[in-house]
Structure formats: structure tokens, C-alpha cells
Amino acid sequence: QLQLVESGGGVVQAGGSLRLSCAGSGRTFSGYAMGWFRQPPGKERECVACINWSGSSTAYVNSVKGRFTISRDNAKNTMYLQMNSLKPEDAAVYYCAAGPSVEVAAFGYDYWGQGTQVTVSS
């Protein structure tokens, strides 16, 4: 089993920044592709960004391109999501996930964190 724990969520004003972290333990972190998902109240969970096992390949949903950056440090078993220029529509519970390959669909990931709340005030 791979355990994932997110941190770094909180309340921020529109235009502000947050950095989310996802710490992995229990299995070889570097063996997995990773993704950040978010789920606003009453909406579907969507993939915000994903990254391959080495960090050499990343992908983003159009709505966050140029504002969010996904990265990972396999030596620290940690993945990050730097979120800049936050908008009210970015507010959601953010989840990190791990799976065998880079996927945009949630069913492609085997392990999930518990989520961290991001609130953006206008």
C-alpha cells in the first residue's frame, strides 16, 4: 500500500498563491505516476495536473495552465502543486493520487490522499 497525505490547503484571497504538498509512504514513491485532482461541491472530480514517475513529463487542464505548476521530489517522497493567481473557481477539495501511468481519469489511479480544502475569497 502507498499512503498519501496532502497538506498546504487553506483560505487565500483571489490573486494569491498556495503550495500543496503530497507526502507518500509505504511503497516506492518513485514507481508511480502522480496526479492532483480537485472536486468542488456538487461537481465531478477533475484532474488538474499530472506528472510521470521521473517528473520529466507534466500535463495540465486548460483552466490552470500558466498558473499552476506540478513537481515532485522522489528523494523526499513528495509531490507539489504550486498554485498562483488563484481564482474563486479554483476553490475545491484537492486530492493527490498515484497510479501506474499518467492518466486524466480518476479510475486510472490506485491510491488517494484524504484531500485538503482550498478556499479562494473574492
Protein backbone atom coordinates (compact mmCIF):
# COMPACT_ATOMS: atom_id res chain seq x y z
CA GLN A 1 0.00 0.00 0.00
CA LEU A 2 1.06 3.55 -0.72
CA GLN A 3 -0.21 6.10 1.79
CA LEU A 4 -0.64 9.68 0.60
CA VAL A 5 -1.17 12.72 2.81
CA GLU A 6 -1.91 16.18 1.43
CA SER A 7 -1.15 19.43 3.19
CA GLY A 8 -0.97 23.11 2.40
CA GLY A 9 -4.59 23.94 1.78
CA GLY A 10 -6.24 26.96 3.32
CA VAL A 11 -8.00 30.24 2.69
CA VAL A 12 -6.48 32.74 0.29
CA GLN A 13 -7.68 35.87 -1.45
CA ALA A 14 -8.18 35.88 -5.18
CA GLY A 15 -4.87 36.52 -6.88
CA GLY A 16 -2.95 34.86 -4.08
CA SER A 17 -0.86 31.69 -4.00
CA LEU A 18 -0.78 28.38 -2.20
CA ARG A 19 1.56 25.43 -2.37
CA LEU A 20 0.10 21.99 -1.81
CA SER A 21 2.24 19.04 -0.81
CA CYS A 22 1.55 15.33 -1.05
CA ALA A 23 3.76 13.08 1.07
CA GLY A 24 3.96 9.40 0.22
CA SER A 25 4.93 6.46 2.40
CA GLY A 26 4.71 2.70 2.48
CA ARG A 27 5.83 1.84 -1.05
CA THR A 28 8.32 3.09 -3.61
CA PHE A 29 7.03 6.58 -4.34
CA SER A 30 9.13 6.99 -7.46
CA GLY A 31 7.49 4.00 -9.08
CA TYR A 32 4.21 5.83 -9.62
CA ALA A 33 2.81 8.47 -11.86
CA MET A 34 1.02 11.08 -9.80
CA GLY A 35 -1.86 13.47 -10.21
CA TRP A 36 -3.60 16.33 -8.48
CA PHE A 37 -7.38 16.26 -8.67
CA ARG A 38 -9.95 18.68 -7.35
CA GLN A 39 -13.63 18.42 -6.57
CA PRO A 40 -15.79 21.49 -5.96
CA PRO A 41 -19.05 20.94 -4.03
CA GLY A 42 -21.62 19.18 -6.17
CA LYS A 43 -19.27 18.71 -9.10
CA GLU A 44 -17.25 15.92 -10.63
CA ARG A 45 -13.67 15.28 -9.59
CA GLU A 46 -11.33 16.56 -12.27
CA CYS A 47 -7.66 16.11 -12.95
CA VAL A 48 -5.85 19.41 -12.52
CA ALA A 49 -2.32 18.27 -13.26
CA CYS A 50 -0.37 15.06 -13.58
CA ILE A 51 3.27 14.07 -13.68
CA ASN A 52 5.17 10.98 -14.70
CA TRP A 53 7.37 8.97 -12.35
CA SER A 54 10.54 10.97 -13.02
CA GLY A 55 8.98 14.40 -13.28
CA SER A 56 10.11 14.82 -16.87
CA SER A 57 6.58 14.96 -18.26
CA THR A 58 3.66 17.01 -16.97
CA ALA A 59 0.17 17.88 -18.15
CA TYR A 60 -2.43 20.41 -17.02
CA VAL A 61 -6.09 21.08 -17.50
CA ASN A 62 -6.53 24.20 -19.65
CA SER A 63 -8.07 26.25 -16.87
CA VAL A 64 -4.86 26.18 -14.77
CA LYS A 65 -2.18 26.35 -17.45
CA GLY A 66 0.27 29.13 -16.75
CA ARG A 67 -0.91 29.44 -13.14
CA PHE A 68 -0.27 26.03 -11.55
CA THR A 69 2.93 24.00 -11.53
CA ILE A 70 3.19 20.35 -10.59
CA SER A 71 6.50 18.91 -9.46
CA ARG A 72 7.89 16.06 -7.42
CA ASP A 73 10.95 15.24 -5.35
CA ASN A 74 11.34 11.48 -5.27
CA ALA A 75 14.17 11.72 -2.75
CA LYS A 76 11.67 13.27 -0.34
CA ASN A 77 8.73 11.12 -1.45
CA THR A 78 6.77 14.30 -2.02
CA MET A 79 4.78 15.88 -4.83
CA TYR A 80 3.85 19.54 -5.01
CA LEU A 81 1.31 21.80 -6.65
CA GLN A 82 2.26 25.46 -6.75
CA MET A 83 -0.89 27.48 -7.35
CA ASN A 84 -0.55 31.13 -8.33
CA SER A 85 -3.08 33.77 -9.37
CA LEU A 86 -5.84 31.82 -7.66
CA LYS A 87 -9.42 32.44 -8.69
CA PRO A 88 -12.67 31.77 -6.82
CA GLU A 89 -13.40 28.96 -9.28
CA ASP A 90 -10.25 27.17 -8.09
CA ALA A 91 -11.88 26.56 -4.72
CA ALA A 92 -12.31 22.84 -4.08
CA VAL A 93 -11.04 19.90 -2.13
CA TYR A 94 -7.73 18.94 -3.70
CA TYR A 95 -6.61 15.32 -3.75
CA CYS A 96 -3.36 13.71 -4.74
CA ALA A 97 -3.33 10.31 -6.36
CA ALA A 98 -0.83 7.71 -7.53
CA GLY A 99 -1.11 5.16 -10.30
CA PRO A 100 0.85 3.09 -12.80
CA SER A 101 0.77 5.68 -15.60
CA VAL A 102 -0.19 9.28 -16.32
CA GLU A 103 -3.96 9.48 -16.64
CA VAL A 104 -6.56 12.23 -16.56
CA ALA A 105 -9.30 9.89 -15.40
CA ALA A 106 -9.68 9.22 -11.71
CA PHE A 107 -10.15 5.49 -12.29
CA GLY A 108 -6.57 5.32 -13.56
CA TYR A 109 -5.20 5.92 -10.06
CA ASP A 110 -4.92 3.30 -7.35
CA TYR A 111 -4.03 5.35 -4.28
CA TRP A 112 -5.58 8.55 -2.95
CA GLY A 113 -4.99 11.01 -0.18
CA GLN A 114 -7.72 12.30 2.10
CA GLY A 115 -7.87 15.72 0.46
CA THR A 116 -7.12 19.27 1.52
CA GLN A 117 -9.53 22.19 1.25
CA VAL A 118 -8.65 25.24 -0.82
CA THR A 119 -10.90 28.27 -0.37
CA VAL A 120 -10.46 31.37 -2.52
CA SER A 121 -12.22 34.53 -1.42
CA SER A 122 -13.12 37.22 -3.94
